[in-house]
Amino acid sequence: MAQKVILVDDLDHSEGSDVTRREFPLLDRTFAIDLSDDNQRRLCDALGFIEKVLESSREVKQATRSRKAADTGSRLRGYTNTDVREWAREQELEISPRGKITDEVMDLFIAAHPNAKSSEPETDPGA
């Protein structure tokens, strides 16, 4: 004797002959849910709305800490790379307009500006 399978709508928990498994794509993935015809129409309307929203939206990338800020943040207090570059040019030291400031120039700047030295302990790479 065959048993009758009764499907239940996953949203409103109703039973009916129109309840069936429905698959739908969203954000490059496929999902499945048991829905009645009425809830399937509601789902289609909602997905259509989401498509319009996504077409008008842009993805937000997670912010990352710049390497430049990480490099100088622990060595200088109260000064920026621009301050170091201006000082180096005034001292007629060779310095690039952009990019990493050499350790030699940074050490000279700190020696000339003792208050620029960070209070954070420096790590010894050989330790």
PDB file of N, CA and C in Angstrom:
ATOM      1  N   MET A   1       0.827  -1.172   0.000  1.00  0.00           N
ATOM      2  CA  MET A   1       0.000   0.000   0.000  1.00  0.00           C
ATOM      3  C   MET A   1       0.879   1.245   0.000  1.00  0.00           C
ATOM      4  N   ALA A   2       0.654   2.142  -0.930  1.00  0.00           N
ATOM      5  CA  ALA A   2       1.441   3.363  -1.087  1.00  0.00           C
ATOM      6  C   ALA A   2       0.993   4.406  -0.079  1.00  0.00           C
ATOM      7  N   GLN A   3       1.981   5.065   0.506  1.00  0.00           N
ATOM      8  CA  GLN A   3       1.660   6.126   1.451  1.00  0.00           C
ATOM      9  C   GLN A   3       1.641   7.463   0.711  1.00  0.00           C
ATOM     10  N   LYS A   4       0.751   8.311   1.106  1.00  0.00           N
ATOM     11  CA  LYS A   4       0.622   9.619   0.492  1.00  0.00           C
ATOM     12  C   LYS A   4       1.600  10.572   1.189  1.00  0.00           C
ATOM     13  N   VAL A   5       2.367  11.314   0.404  1.00  0.00           N
ATOM     14  CA  VAL A   5       3.300  12.304   0.933  1.00  0.00           C
ATOM     15  C   VAL A   5       2.585  13.650   0.961  1.00  0.00           C
ATOM     16  N   ILE A   6       2.604  14.252   2.095  1.00  0.00           N
ATOM     17  CA  ILE A   6       1.983  15.569   2.235  1.00  0.00           C
ATOM     18  C   ILE A   6       3.099  16.594   2.382  1.00  0.00           C
ATOM     19  N   LEU A   7       3.148  17.532   1.430  1.00  0.00           N
ATOM     20  CA  LEU A   7       4.135  18.598   1.513  1.00  0.00           C
ATOM     21  C   LEU A   7       3.539  19.778   2.254  1.00  0.00           C
ATOM     22  N   VAL A   8       4.376  20.418   3.049  1.00  0.00           N
ATOM     23  CA  VAL A   8       3.961  21.565   3.852  1.00  0.00           C
ATOM     24  C   VAL A   8       4.757  22.781   3.389  1.00  0.00           C
ATOM     25  N   ASP A   9       4.055  23.897   3.173  1.00  0.00           N
ATOM     26  CA  ASP A   9       4.689  25.150   2.775  1.00  0.00           C
ATOM     27  C   ASP A   9       5.649  25.584   3.884  1.00  0.00           C
ATOM     28  N   ASP A  10       6.911  25.830   3.524  1.00  0.00           N
ATOM     29  CA  ASP A  10       7.924  26.187   4.516  1.00  0.00           C
ATOM     30  C   ASP A  10       7.731  27.581   5.110  1.00  0.00           C
ATOM     31  N   LEU A  11       6.944  28.432   4.448  1.00  0.00           N
ATOM     32  CA  LEU A  11       6.736  29.776   4.980  1.00  0.00           C
ATOM     33  C   LEU A  11       5.527  29.871   5.903  1.00  0.00           C
ATOM     34  N   ASP A  12       4.376  29.389   5.446  1.00  0.00           N
ATOM     35  CA  ASP A  12       3.172  29.552   6.263  1.00  0.00           C
ATOM     36  C   ASP A  12       2.653  28.236   6.847  1.00  0.00           C
ATOM     37  N   HIS A  13       3.373  27.153   6.607  1.00  0.00           N
ATOM     38  CA  HIS A  13       3.067  25.823   7.154  1.00  0.00           C
ATOM     39  C   HIS A  13       1.706  25.274   6.705  1.00  0.00           C
ATOM     40  N   SER A  14       1.224  25.771   5.571  1.00  0.00           N
ATOM     41  CA  SER A  14      -0.047  25.255   5.039  1.00  0.00           C
ATOM     42  C   SER A  14       0.215  23.987   4.238  1.00  0.00           C
ATOM     43  N   GLU A  15      -0.820  23.153   4.131  1.00  0.00           N
ATOM     44  CA  GLU A  15      -0.749  21.944   3.316  1.00  0.00           C
ATOM     45  C   GLU A  15      -1.642  22.166   2.109  1.00  0.00           C
ATOM     46  N   GLY A  16      -1.271  21.570   1.001  1.00  0.00           N
ATOM     47  CA  GLY A  16      -2.115  21.704  -0.186  1.00  0.00           C
ATOM     48  C   GLY A  16      -1.516  20.961  -1.351  1.00  0.00           C
ATOM     49  N   SER A  17      -2.372  20.689  -2.328  1.00  0.00           N
ATOM     50  CA  SER A  17      -1.893  19.968  -3.506  1.00  0.00           C
ATOM     51  C   SER A  17      -0.979  20.826  -4.364  1.00  0.00           C
ATOM     52  N   ASP A  18      -1.006  22.154  -4.144  1.00  0.00           N
ATOM     53  CA  ASP A  18      -0.147  23.046  -4.929  1.00  0.00           C
ATOM     54  C   ASP A  18       1.228  23.266  -4.295  1.00  0.00           C
ATOM     55  N   VAL A  19       1.474  22.705  -3.122  1.00  0.00           N
ATOM     56  CA  VAL A  19       2.780  22.851  -2.472  1.00  0.00           C
ATOM     57  C   VAL A  19       3.768  21.918  -3.155  1.00  0.00           C
ATOM     58  N   THR A  20       4.874  22.499  -3.573  1.00  0.00           N
ATOM     59  CA  THR A  20       5.907  21.715  -4.245  1.00  0.00           C
ATOM     60  C   THR A  20       7.270  22.354  -3.982  1.00  0.00           C
ATOM     61  N   ARG A  21       8.294  21.581  -4.259  1.00  0.00           N
ATOM     62  CA  ARG A  21       9.660  22.081  -4.086  1.00  0.00           C
ATOM     63  C   ARG A  21       9.946  23.098  -5.188  1.00  0.00           C
ATOM     64  N   ARG A  22      10.433  24.271  -4.798  1.00  0.00           N
ATOM     65  CA  ARG A  22      10.761  25.341  -5.736  1.00  0.00           C
ATOM     66  C   ARG A  22      12.245  25.669  -5.582  1.00  0.00           C
ATOM     67  N   GLU A  23      12.948  25.782  -6.678  1.00  0.00           N
ATOM     68  CA  GLU A  23      14.352  26.191  -6.652  1.00  0.00           C
ATOM     69  C   GLU A  23      14.448  27.599  -7.219  1.00  0.00           C
ATOM     70  N   PHE A  24      15.364  28.374  -6.645  1.00  0.00           N
ATOM     71  CA  PHE A  24      15.566  29.736  -7.152  1.00  0.00           C
ATOM     72  C   PHE A  24      17.024  30.144  -6.976  1.00  0.00           C
ATOM     73  N   PRO A  25      17.539  30.916  -7.948  1.00  0.00           N
ATOM     74  CA  PRO A  25      18.927  31.387  -7.860  1.00  0.00           C
ATOM     75  C   PRO A  25      18.985  32.727  -7.122  1.00  0.00           C
ATOM     76  N   LEU A  26      20.045  32.905  -6.353  1.00  0.00           N
ATOM     77  CA  LEU A  26      20.271  34.179  -5.675  1.00  0.00           C
ATOM     78  C   LEU A  26      21.752  34.296  -5.351  1.00  0.00           C
ATOM     79  N   LEU A  27      22.356  35.376  -5.811  1.00  0.00           N
ATOM     80  CA  LEU A  27      23.777  35.663  -5.542  1.00  0.00           C
ATOM     81  C   LEU A  27      24.679  34.486  -5.909  1.00  0.00           C
ATOM     82  N   ASP A  28      24.493  33.980  -7.120  1.00  0.00           N
ATOM     83  CA  ASP A  28      25.317  32.889  -7.661  1.00  0.00           C
ATOM     84  C   ASP A  28      25.195  31.586  -6.872  1.00  0.00           C
ATOM     85  N   ARG A  29      24.079  31.405  -6.177  1.00  0.00           N
ATOM     86  CA  ARG A  29      23.808  30.163  -5.469  1.00  0.00           C
ATOM     87  C   ARG A  29      22.381  29.743  -5.791  1.00  0.00           C
ATOM     88  N   THR A  30      22.079  28.460  -5.622  1.00  0.00           N
ATOM     89  CA  THR A  30      20.730  27.961  -5.855  1.00  0.00           C
ATOM     90  C   THR A  30      20.161  27.459  -4.536  1.00  0.00           C
ATOM     91  N   PHE A  31      18.941  27.888  -4.239  1.00  0.00           N
ATOM     92  CA  PHE A  31      18.258  27.516  -3.009  1.00  0.00           C
ATOM     93  C   PHE A  31      17.004  26.729  -3.357  1.00  0.00           C
ATOM     94  N   ALA A  32      16.520  25.921  -2.423  1.00  0.00           N
ATOM     95  CA  ALA A  32      15.287  25.153  -2.614  1.00  0.00           C
ATOM     96  C   ALA A  32      14.404  25.340  -1.393  1.00  0.00           C
ATOM     97  N   ILE A  33      13.087  25.401  -1.638  1.00  0.00           N
ATOM     98  CA  ILE A  33      12.122  25.584  -0.567  1.00  0.00           C
ATOM     99  C   ILE A  33      10.789  25.003  -1.034  1.00  0.00           C
ATOM    100  N   ASP A  34      10.012  24.476  -0.119  1.00  0.00           N
ATOM    101  CA  ASP A  34       8.669  23.980  -0.442  1.00  0.00           C
ATOM    102  C   ASP A  34       7.686  25.130  -0.293  1.00  0.00           C
ATOM    103  N   LEU A  35       6.978  25.466  -1.390  1.00  0.00           N
ATOM    104  CA  LEU A  35       6.061  26.598  -1.380  1.00  0.00           C
ATOM    105  C   LEU A  35       4.760  26.275  -2.103  1.00  0.00           C
ATOM    106  N   SER A  36       3.708  26.964  -1.695  1.00  0.00           N
ATOM    107  CA  SER A  36       2.434  26.911  -2.424  1.00  0.00           C
ATOM    108  C   SER A  36       2.545  27.858  -3.617  1.00  0.00           C
ATOM    109  N   ASP A  37       1.559  27.811  -4.493  1.00  0.00           N
ATOM    110  CA  ASP A  37       1.567  28.703  -5.658  1.00  0.00           C
ATOM    111  C   ASP A  37       1.555  30.174  -5.228  1.00  0.00           C
ATOM    112  N   ASP A  38       0.754  30.504  -4.195  1.00  0.00           N
ATOM    113  CA  ASP A  38       0.693  31.899  -3.721  1.00  0.00           C
ATOM    114  C   ASP A  38       2.043  32.375  -3.191  1.00  0.00           C
ATOM    115  N   ASN A  39       2.675  31.558  -2.380  1.00  0.00           N
ATOM    116  CA  ASN A  39       3.978  31.957  -1.841  1.00  0.00           C
ATOM    117  C   ASN A  39       5.064  31.943  -2.917  1.00  0.00           C
ATOM    118  N   GLN A  40       4.919  31.093  -3.929  1.00  0.00           N
ATOM    119  CA  GLN A  40       5.856  31.106  -5.057  1.00  0.00           C
ATOM    120  C   GLN A  40       5.764  32.447  -5.785  1.00  0.00           C
ATOM    121  N   ARG A  41       4.544  32.960  -5.988  1.00  0.00           N
ATOM    122  CA  ARG A  41       4.374  34.272  -6.637  1.00  0.00           C
ATOM    123  C   ARG A  41       5.018  35.367  -5.783  1.00  0.00           C
ATOM    124  N   ARG A  42       4.814  35.298  -4.469  1.00  0.00           N
ATOM    125  CA  ARG A  42       5.426  36.287  -3.567  1.00  0.00           C
ATOM    126  C   ARG A  42       6.953  36.226  -3.645  1.00  0.00           C
ATOM    127  N   LEU A  43       7.487  35.010  -3.711  1.00  0.00           N
ATOM    128  CA  LEU A  43       8.934  34.842  -3.836  1.00  0.00           C
ATOM    129  C   LEU A  43       9.435  35.444  -5.146  1.00  0.00           C
ATOM    130  N   CYS A  44       8.732  35.164  -6.243  1.00  0.00           N
ATOM    131  CA  CYS A  44       9.141  35.712  -7.548  1.00  0.00           C
ATOM    132  C   CYS A  44       9.119  37.238  -7.534  1.00  0.00           C
ATOM    133  N   ASP A  45       8.089  37.826  -6.915  1.00  0.00           N
ATOM    134  CA  ASP A  45       8.019  39.285  -6.804  1.00  0.00           C
ATOM    135  C   ASP A  45       9.204  39.820  -6.002  1.00  0.00           C
ATOM    136  N   ALA A  46       9.503  39.163  -4.882  1.00  0.00           N
ATOM    137  CA  ALA A  46      10.610  39.600  -4.031  1.00  0.00           C
ATOM    138  C   ALA A  46      11.946  39.485  -4.764  1.00  0.00           C
ATOM    139  N   LEU A  47      12.142  38.388  -5.501  1.00  0.00           N
ATOM    140  CA  LEU A  47      13.397  38.206  -6.245  1.00  0.00           C
ATOM    141  C   LEU A  47      13.520  39.256  -7.350  1.00  0.00           C
ATOM    142  N   GLY A  48      12.397  39.592  -7.986  1.00  0.00           N
ATOM    143  CA  GLY A  48      12.417  40.651  -9.003  1.00  0.00           C
ATOM    144  C   GLY A  48      12.834  41.980  -8.400  1.00  0.00           C
ATOM    145  N   PHE A  49      12.306  42.273  -7.214  1.00  0.00           N
ATOM    146  CA  PHE A  49      12.682  43.501  -6.520  1.00  0.00           C
ATOM    147  C   PHE A  49      14.168  43.488  -6.169  1.00  0.00           C
ATOM    148  N   ILE A  50      14.639  42.374  -5.661  1.00  0.00           N
ATOM    149  CA  ILE A  50      16.060  42.263  -5.298  1.00  0.00           C
ATOM    150  C   ILE A  50      16.947  42.452  -6.526  1.00  0.00           C
ATOM    151  N   GLU A  51      16.551  41.891  -7.680  1.00  0.00           N
ATOM    152  CA  GLU A  51      17.327  42.080  -8.913  1.00  0.00           C
ATOM    153  C   GLU A  51      17.451  43.552  -9.255  1.00  0.00           C
ATOM    154  N   LYS A  52      16.343  44.306  -9.148  1.00  0.00           N
ATOM    155  CA  LYS A  52      16.377  45.748  -9.441  1.00  0.00           C
ATOM    156  C   LYS A  52      17.303  46.469  -8.465  1.00  0.00           C
ATOM    157  N   VAL A  53      17.224  46.096  -7.195  1.00  0.00           N
ATOM    158  CA  VAL A  53      18.081  46.721  -6.186  1.00  0.00           C
ATOM    159  C   VAL A  53      19.544  46.441  -6.498  1.00  0.00           C
ATOM    160  N   LEU A  54      19.876  45.196  -6.826  1.00  0.00           N
ATOM    161  CA  LEU A  54      21.267  44.834  -7.108  1.00  0.00           C
ATOM    162  C   LEU A  54      21.794  45.536  -8.352  1.00  0.00           C
ATOM    163  N   GLU A  55      20.941  45.736  -9.345  1.00  0.00           N
ATOM    164  CA  GLU A  55      21.364  46.440 -10.567  1.00  0.00           C
ATOM    165  C   GLU A  55      21.746  47.882 -10.261  1.00  0.00           C
ATOM    166  N   SER A  56      21.126  48.472  -9.254  1.00  0.00           N
ATOM    167  CA  SER A  56      21.387  49.869  -8.900  1.00  0.00           C
ATOM    168  C   SER A  56      22.406  50.015  -7.775  1.00  0.00           C
ATOM    169  N   SER A  57      22.917  48.916  -7.284  1.00  0.00           N
ATOM    170  CA  SER A  57      23.827  48.948  -6.138  1.00  0.00           C
ATOM    171  C   SER A  57      25.248  48.651  -6.573  1.00  0.00           C
ATOM    172  N   ARG A  58      26.160  48.852  -5.655  1.00  0.00           N
ATOM    173  CA  ARG A  58      27.549  48.462  -5.893  1.00  0.00           C
ATOM    174  C   ARG A  58      28.044  47.707  -4.664  1.00  0.00           C
ATOM    175  N   GLU A  59      28.950  46.802  -4.901  1.00  0.00           N
ATOM    176  CA  GLU A  59      29.484  45.988  -3.810  1.00  0.00           C
ATOM    177  C   GLU A  59      30.442  46.823  -2.971  1.00  0.00           C
ATOM    178  N   VAL A  60      30.389  46.647  -1.675  1.00  0.00           N
ATOM    179  CA  VAL A  60      31.274  47.355  -0.763  1.00  0.00           C
ATOM    180  C   VAL A  60      32.396  46.405  -0.379  1.00  0.00           C
ATOM    181  N   LYS A  61      33.614  46.840  -0.602  1.00  0.00           N
ATOM    182  CA  LYS A  61      34.786  46.050  -0.225  1.00  0.00           C
ATOM    183  C   LYS A  61      35.161  46.396   1.212  1.00  0.00           C
ATOM    184  N   GLN A  62      35.654  45.417   1.935  1.00  0.00           N
ATOM    185  CA  GLN A  62      36.107  45.657   3.299  1.00  0.00           C
ATOM    186  C   GLN A  62      37.318  46.578   3.270  1.00  0.00           C
ATOM    187  N   ALA A  63      37.333  47.554   4.149  1.00  0.00           N
ATOM    188  CA  ALA A  63      38.462  48.476   4.242  1.00  0.00           C
ATOM    189  C   ALA A  63      39.672  47.728   4.782  1.00  0.00           C
ATOM    190  N   THR A  64      40.816  48.051   4.231  1.00  0.00           N
ATOM    191  CA  THR A  64      42.059  47.463   4.727  1.00  0.00           C
ATOM    192  C   THR A  64      42.976  48.587   5.185  1.00  0.00           C
ATOM    193  N   ARG A  65      43.808  48.287   6.123  1.00  0.00           N
ATOM    194  CA  ARG A  65      44.765  49.267   6.622  1.00  0.00           C
ATOM    195  C   ARG A  65      45.902  49.369   5.628  1.00  0.00           C
ATOM    196  N   SER A  66      46.208  50.581   5.198  1.00  0.00           N
ATOM    197  CA  SER A  66      47.267  50.749   4.203  1.00  0.00           C
ATOM    198  C   SER A  66      48.609  50.386   4.814  1.00  0.00           C
ATOM    199  N   ARG A  67      49.469  49.861   3.987  1.00  0.00           N
ATOM    200  CA  ARG A  67      50.789  49.466   4.457  1.00  0.00           C
ATOM    201  C   ARG A  67      51.587  50.689   4.879  1.00  0.00           C
ATOM    202  N   LYS A  68      51.400  51.804   4.160  1.00  0.00           N
ATOM    203  CA  LYS A  68      52.129  53.019   4.494  1.00  0.00           C
ATOM    204  C   LYS A  68      51.777  53.469   5.911  1.00  0.00           C
ATOM    205  N   ALA A  69      50.493  53.462   6.242  1.00  0.00           N
ATOM    206  CA  ALA A  69      50.071  53.861   7.586  1.00  0.00           C
ATOM    207  C   ALA A  69      50.626  52.895   8.624  1.00  0.00           C
ATOM    208  N   ALA A  70      50.648  51.623   8.286  1.00  0.00           N
ATOM    209  CA  ALA A  70      51.161  50.629   9.223  1.00  0.00           C
ATOM    210  C   ALA A  70      52.659  50.806   9.427  1.00  0.00           C
ATOM    211  N   ASP A  71      53.391  51.149   8.340  1.00  0.00           N
ATOM    212  CA  ASP A  71      54.844  51.302   8.437  1.00  0.00           C
ATOM    213  C   ASP A  71      55.237  52.492   9.301  1.00  0.00           C
ATOM    214  N   THR A  72      54.555  53.641   9.126  1.00  0.00           N
ATOM    215  CA  THR A  72      54.979  54.832   9.833  1.00  0.00           C
ATOM    216  C   THR A  72      54.251  54.997  11.151  1.00  0.00           C
ATOM    217  N   GLY A  73      53.078  54.405  11.292  1.00  0.00           N
ATOM    218  CA  GLY A  73      52.280  54.591  12.490  1.00  0.00           C
ATOM    219  C   GLY A  73      53.002  54.177  13.750  1.00  0.00           C
ATOM    220  N   SER A  74      53.803  53.150  13.686  1.00  0.00           N
ATOM    221  CA  SER A  74      54.478  52.684  14.882  1.00  0.00           C
ATOM    222  C   SER A  74      55.799  53.411  15.124  1.00  0.00           C
ATOM    223  N   ARG A  75      56.302  54.146  14.117  1.00  0.00           N
ATOM    224  CA  ARG A  75      57.595  54.807  14.286  1.00  0.00           C
ATOM    225  C   ARG A  75      57.478  56.288  14.598  1.00  0.00           C
ATOM    226  N   LEU A  76      56.412  56.938  14.103  1.00  0.00           N
ATOM    227  CA  LEU A  76      56.274  58.377  14.288  1.00  0.00           C
ATOM    228  C   LEU A  76      55.070  58.714  15.145  1.00  0.00           C
ATOM    229  N   ARG A  77      55.217  59.757  15.909  1.00  0.00           N
ATOM    230  CA  ARG A  77      54.092  60.253  16.679  1.00  0.00           C
ATOM    231  C   ARG A  77      53.971  61.748  16.394  1.00  0.00           C
ATOM    232  N   GLY A  78      52.817  62.154  15.851  1.00  0.00           N
ATOM    233  CA  GLY A  78      52.561  63.572  15.600  1.00  0.00           C
ATOM    234  C   GLY A  78      53.066  64.096  14.271  1.00  0.00           C
ATOM    235  N   TYR A  79      53.623  63.253  13.435  1.00  0.00           N
ATOM    236  CA  TYR A  79      54.127  63.672  12.124  1.00  0.00           C
ATOM    237  C   TYR A  79      53.632  62.706  11.053  1.00  0.00           C
ATOM    238  N   THR A  80      53.619  63.197   9.820  1.00  0.00           N
ATOM    239  CA  THR A  80      53.208  62.374   8.685  1.00  0.00           C
ATOM    240  C   THR A  80      54.374  62.155   7.740  1.00  0.00           C
ATOM    241  N   ASN A  81      54.162  61.287   6.755  1.00  0.00           N
ATOM    242  CA  ASN A  81      55.189  61.084   5.728  1.00  0.00           C
ATOM    243  C   ASN A  81      55.476  62.385   4.988  1.00  0.00           C
ATOM    244  N   THR A  82      54.456  63.208   4.788  1.00  0.00           N
ATOM    245  CA  THR A  82      54.652  64.499   4.114  1.00  0.00           C
ATOM    246  C   THR A  82      55.599  65.373   4.925  1.00  0.00           C
ATOM    247  N   ASP A  83      55.424  65.370   6.253  1.00  0.00           N
ATOM    248  CA  ASP A  83      56.332  66.134   7.117  1.00  0.00           C
ATOM    249  C   ASP A  83      57.773  65.643   6.954  1.00  0.00           C
ATOM    250  N   VAL A  84      57.942  64.344   6.917  1.00  0.00           N
ATOM    251  CA  VAL A  84      59.286  63.762   6.774  1.00  0.00           C
ATOM    252  C   VAL A  84      59.872  64.155   5.423  1.00  0.00           C
ATOM    253  N   ARG A  85      59.087  64.067   4.360  1.00  0.00           N
ATOM    254  CA  ARG A  85      59.587  64.423   3.015  1.00  0.00           C
ATOM    255  C   ARG A  85      59.986  65.901   2.936  1.00  0.00           C
ATOM    256  N   GLU A  86      59.145  66.793   3.489  1.00  0.00           N
ATOM    257  CA  GLU A  86      59.462  68.222   3.467  1.00  0.00           C
ATOM    258  C   GLU A  86      60.760  68.494   4.217  1.00  0.00           C
ATOM    259  N   TRP A  87      60.893  67.885   5.400  1.00  0.00           N
ATOM    260  CA  TRP A  87      62.106  68.075   6.196  1.00  0.00           C
ATOM    261  C   TRP A  87      63.327  67.556   5.425  1.00  0.00           C
ATOM    262  N   ALA A  88      63.186  66.377   4.804  1.00  0.00           N
ATOM    263  CA  ALA A  88      64.319  65.792   4.064  1.00  0.00           C
ATOM    264  C   ALA A  88      64.734  66.701   2.904  1.00  0.00           C
ATOM    265  N   ARG A  89      63.758  67.268   2.193  1.00  0.00           N
ATOM    266  CA  ARG A  89      64.102  68.185   1.093  1.00  0.00           C
ATOM    267  C   ARG A  89      64.806  69.428   1.628  1.00  0.00           C
ATOM    268  N   GLU A  90      64.345  69.957   2.781  1.00  0.00           N
ATOM    269  CA  GLU A  90      64.993  71.124   3.395  1.00  0.00           C
ATOM    270  C   GLU A  90      66.442  70.801   3.775  1.00  0.00           C
ATOM    271  N   GLN A  91      66.693  69.545   4.153  1.00  0.00           N
ATOM    272  CA  GLN A  91      68.039  69.115   4.533  1.00  0.00           C
ATOM    273  C   GLN A  91      68.856  68.686   3.317  1.00  0.00           C
ATOM    274  N   GLU A  92      68.252  68.809   2.126  1.00  0.00           N
ATOM    275  CA  GLU A  92      68.868  68.417   0.851  1.00  0.00           C
ATOM    276  C   GLU A  92      69.230  66.929   0.830  1.00  0.00           C
ATOM    277  N   LEU A  93      68.365  66.131   1.471  1.00  0.00           N
ATOM    278  CA  LEU A  93      68.512  64.682   1.431  1.00  0.00           C
ATOM    279  C   LEU A  93      67.751  64.162   0.221  1.00  0.00           C
ATOM    280  N   GLU A  94      68.235  63.088  -0.342  1.00  0.00           N
ATOM    281  CA  GLU A  94      67.554  62.487  -1.487  1.00  0.00           C
ATOM    282  C   GLU A  94      66.352  61.688  -0.978  1.00  0.00           C
ATOM    283  N   ILE A  95      65.173  62.025  -1.508  1.00  0.00           N
ATOM    284  CA  ILE A  95      63.947  61.348  -1.086  1.00  0.00           C
ATOM    285  C   ILE A  95      62.972  61.325  -2.259  1.00  0.00           C
ATOM    286  N   SER A  96      62.311  60.198  -2.421  1.00  0.00           N
ATOM    287  CA  SER A  96      61.345  60.070  -3.514  1.00  0.00           C
ATOM    288  C   SER A  96      60.053  60.800  -3.138  1.00  0.00           C
ATOM    289  N   PRO A  97      59.324  61.293  -4.148  1.00  0.00           N
ATOM    290  CA  PRO A  97      58.079  62.016  -3.855  1.00  0.00           C
ATOM    291  C   PRO A  97      56.968  61.103  -3.345  1.00  0.00           C
ATOM    292  N   ARG A  98      57.086  59.802  -3.612  1.00  0.00           N
ATOM    293  CA  ARG A  98      56.079  58.831  -3.150  1.00  0.00           C
ATOM    294  C   ARG A  98      56.786  57.542  -2.775  1.00  0.00           C
ATOM    295  N   GLY A  99      56.009  56.654  -2.153  1.00  0.00           N
ATOM    296  CA  GLY A  99      56.545  55.341  -1.801  1.00  0.00           C
ATOM    297  C   GLY A  99      57.131  55.308  -0.403  1.00  0.00           C
ATOM    298  N   LYS A 100      57.822  54.220  -0.123  1.00  0.00           N
ATOM    299  CA  LYS A 100      58.382  54.011   1.216  1.00  0.00           C
ATOM    300  C   LYS A 100      59.539  54.964   1.457  1.00  0.00           C
ATOM    301  N   ILE A 101      59.554  55.516   2.645  1.00  0.00           N
ATOM    302  CA  ILE A 101      60.665  56.364   3.070  1.00  0.00           C
ATOM    303  C   ILE A 101      61.724  55.446   3.654  1.00  0.00           C
ATOM    304  N   THR A 102      62.968  55.647   3.222  1.00  0.00           N
ATOM    305  CA  THR A 102      64.034  54.750   3.672  1.00  0.00           C
ATOM    306  C   THR A 102      64.213  54.846   5.186  1.00  0.00           C
ATOM    307  N   ASP A 103      64.701  53.750   5.764  1.00  0.00           N
ATOM    308  CA  ASP A 103      64.962  53.723   7.206  1.00  0.00           C
ATOM    309  C   ASP A 103      65.984  54.789   7.585  1.00  0.00           C
ATOM    310  N   GLU A 104      66.976  55.016   6.713  1.00  0.00           N
ATOM    311  CA  GLU A 104      68.015  56.011   6.991  1.00  0.00           C
ATOM    312  C   GLU A 104      67.401  57.408   7.145  1.00  0.00           C
ATOM    313  N   VAL A 105      66.535  57.803   6.209  1.00  0.00           N
ATOM    314  CA  VAL A 105      65.893  59.120   6.293  1.00  0.00           C
ATOM    315  C   VAL A 105      64.986  59.183   7.514  1.00  0.00           C
ATOM    316  N   MET A 106      64.246  58.119   7.771  1.00  0.00           N
ATOM    317  CA  MET A 106      63.348  58.090   8.926  1.00  0.00           C
ATOM    318  C   MET A 106      64.144  58.235  10.221  1.00  0.00           C
ATOM    319  N   ASP A 107      65.285  57.528  10.325  1.00  0.00           N
ATOM    320  CA  ASP A 107      66.123  57.625  11.525  1.00  0.00           C
ATOM    321  C   ASP A 107      66.680  59.034  11.704  1.00  0.00           C
ATOM    322  N   LEU A 108      67.091  59.684  10.602  1.00  0.00           N
ATOM    323  CA  LEU A 108      67.595  61.055  10.676  1.00  0.00           C
ATOM    324  C   LEU A 108      66.499  62.016  11.130  1.00  0.00           C
ATOM    325  N   PHE A 109      65.281  61.825  10.610  1.00  0.00           N
ATOM    326  CA  PHE A 109      64.157  62.677  11.002  1.00  0.00           C
ATOM    327  C   PHE A 109      63.881  62.533  12.495  1.00  0.00           C
ATOM    328  N   ILE A 110      63.859  61.300  12.975  1.00  0.00           N
ATOM    329  CA  ILE A 110      63.583  61.055  14.398  1.00  0.00           C
ATOM    330  C   ILE A 110      64.697  61.645  15.262  1.00  0.00           C
ATOM    331  N   ALA A 111      65.942  61.540  14.789  1.00  0.00           N
ATOM    332  CA  ALA A 111      67.056  62.120  15.546  1.00  0.00           C
ATOM    333  C   ALA A 111      66.905  63.639  15.626  1.00  0.00           C
ATOM    334  N   ALA A 112      66.396  64.274  14.564  1.00  0.00           N
ATOM    335  CA  ALA A 112      66.220  65.723  14.547  1.00  0.00           C
ATOM    336  C   ALA A 112      64.934  66.144  15.263  1.00  0.00           C
ATOM    337  N   HIS A 113      64.016  65.230  15.432  1.00  0.00           N
ATOM    338  CA  HIS A 113      62.731  65.511  16.081  1.00  0.00           C
ATOM    339  C   HIS A 113      62.477  64.436  17.152  1.00  0.00           C
ATOM    340  N   PRO A 114      63.141  64.514  18.288  1.00  0.00           N
ATOM    341  CA  PRO A 114      63.017  63.470  19.312  1.00  0.00           C
ATOM    342  C   PRO A 114      61.571  63.227  19.772  1.00  0.00           C
ATOM    343  N   ASN A 115      60.739  64.254  19.694  1.00  0.00           N
ATOM    344  CA  ASN A 115      59.347  64.076  20.107  1.00  0.00           C
ATOM    345  C   ASN A 115      58.553  63.247  19.100  1.00  0.00           C
ATOM    346  N   ALA A 116      59.145  62.953  17.944  1.00  0.00           N
ATOM    347  CA  ALA A 116      58.453  62.157  16.912  1.00  0.00           C
ATOM    348  C   ALA A 116      58.573  60.666  17.201  1.00  0.00           C
ATOM    349  N   LYS A 117      59.503  60.309  18.054  1.00  0.00           N
ATOM    350  CA  LYS A 117      59.710  58.881  18.325  1.00  0.00           C
ATOM    351  C   LYS A 117      58.501  58.312  19.049  1.00  0.00           C
ATOM    352  N   SER A 118      58.003  57.222  18.511  1.00  0.00           N
ATOM    353  CA  SER A 118      56.848  56.560  19.103  1.00  0.00           C
ATOM    354  C   SER A 118      57.229  55.973  20.445  1.00  0.00           C
ATOM    355  N   SER A 119      56.247  55.935  21.340  1.00  0.00           N
ATOM    356  CA  SER A 119      56.505  55.336  22.654  1.00  0.00           C
ATOM    357  C   SER A 119      56.368  53.833  22.618  1.00  0.00           C
ATOM    358  N   GLU A 120      55.910  53.295  21.461  1.00  0.00           N
ATOM    359  CA  GLU A 120      55.770  51.836  21.349  1.00  0.00           C
ATOM    360  C   GLU A 120      57.152  51.202  21.280  1.00  0.00           C
ATOM    361  N   PRO A 121      57.354  50.109  21.951  1.00  0.00           N
ATOM    362  CA  PRO A 121      58.663  49.439  21.871  1.00  0.00           C
ATOM    363  C   PRO A 121      58.878  48.866  20.492  1.00  0.00           C
ATOM    364  N   GLU A 122      60.105  49.063  19.982  1.00  0.00           N
ATOM    365  CA  GLU A 122      60.414  48.499  18.671  1.00  0.00           C
ATOM    366  C   GLU A 122      60.759  47.034  18.844  1.00  0.00           C
ATOM    367  N   THR A 123      60.354  46.251  17.847  1.00  0.00           N
ATOM    368  CA  THR A 123      60.663  44.820  17.915  1.00  0.00           C
ATOM    369  C   THR A 123      61.987  44.566  17.255  1.00  0.00           C
ATOM    370  N   ASP A 124      62.760  43.693  17.836  1.00  0.00           N
ATOM    371  CA  ASP A 124      64.054  43.333  17.286  1.00  0.00           C
ATOM    372  C   ASP A 124      63.879  42.112  16.413  1.00  0.00           C
ATOM    373  N   PRO A 125      64.071  42.265  15.067  1.00  0.00           N
ATOM    374  CA  PRO A 125      63.847  41.125  14.187  1.00  0.00           C
ATOM    375  C   PRO A 125      64.784  39.958  14.481  1.00  0.00           C
ATOM    376  N   GLY A 126      65.909  40.209  15.146  1.00  0.00           N
ATOM    377  CA  GLY A 126      66.846  39.125  15.446  1.00  0.00           C
ATOM    378  C   GLY A 126      66.502  38.394  16.730  1.00  0.00           C
ATOM    379  N   ALA A 127      65.524  38.904  17.483  1.00  0.00           N
ATOM    380  CA  ALA A 127      65.197  38.292  18.772  1.00  0.00           C
ATOM    381  C   ALA A 127      64.311  37.102  18.615  1.00  0.00           C
TER     382      ALA A 127
END
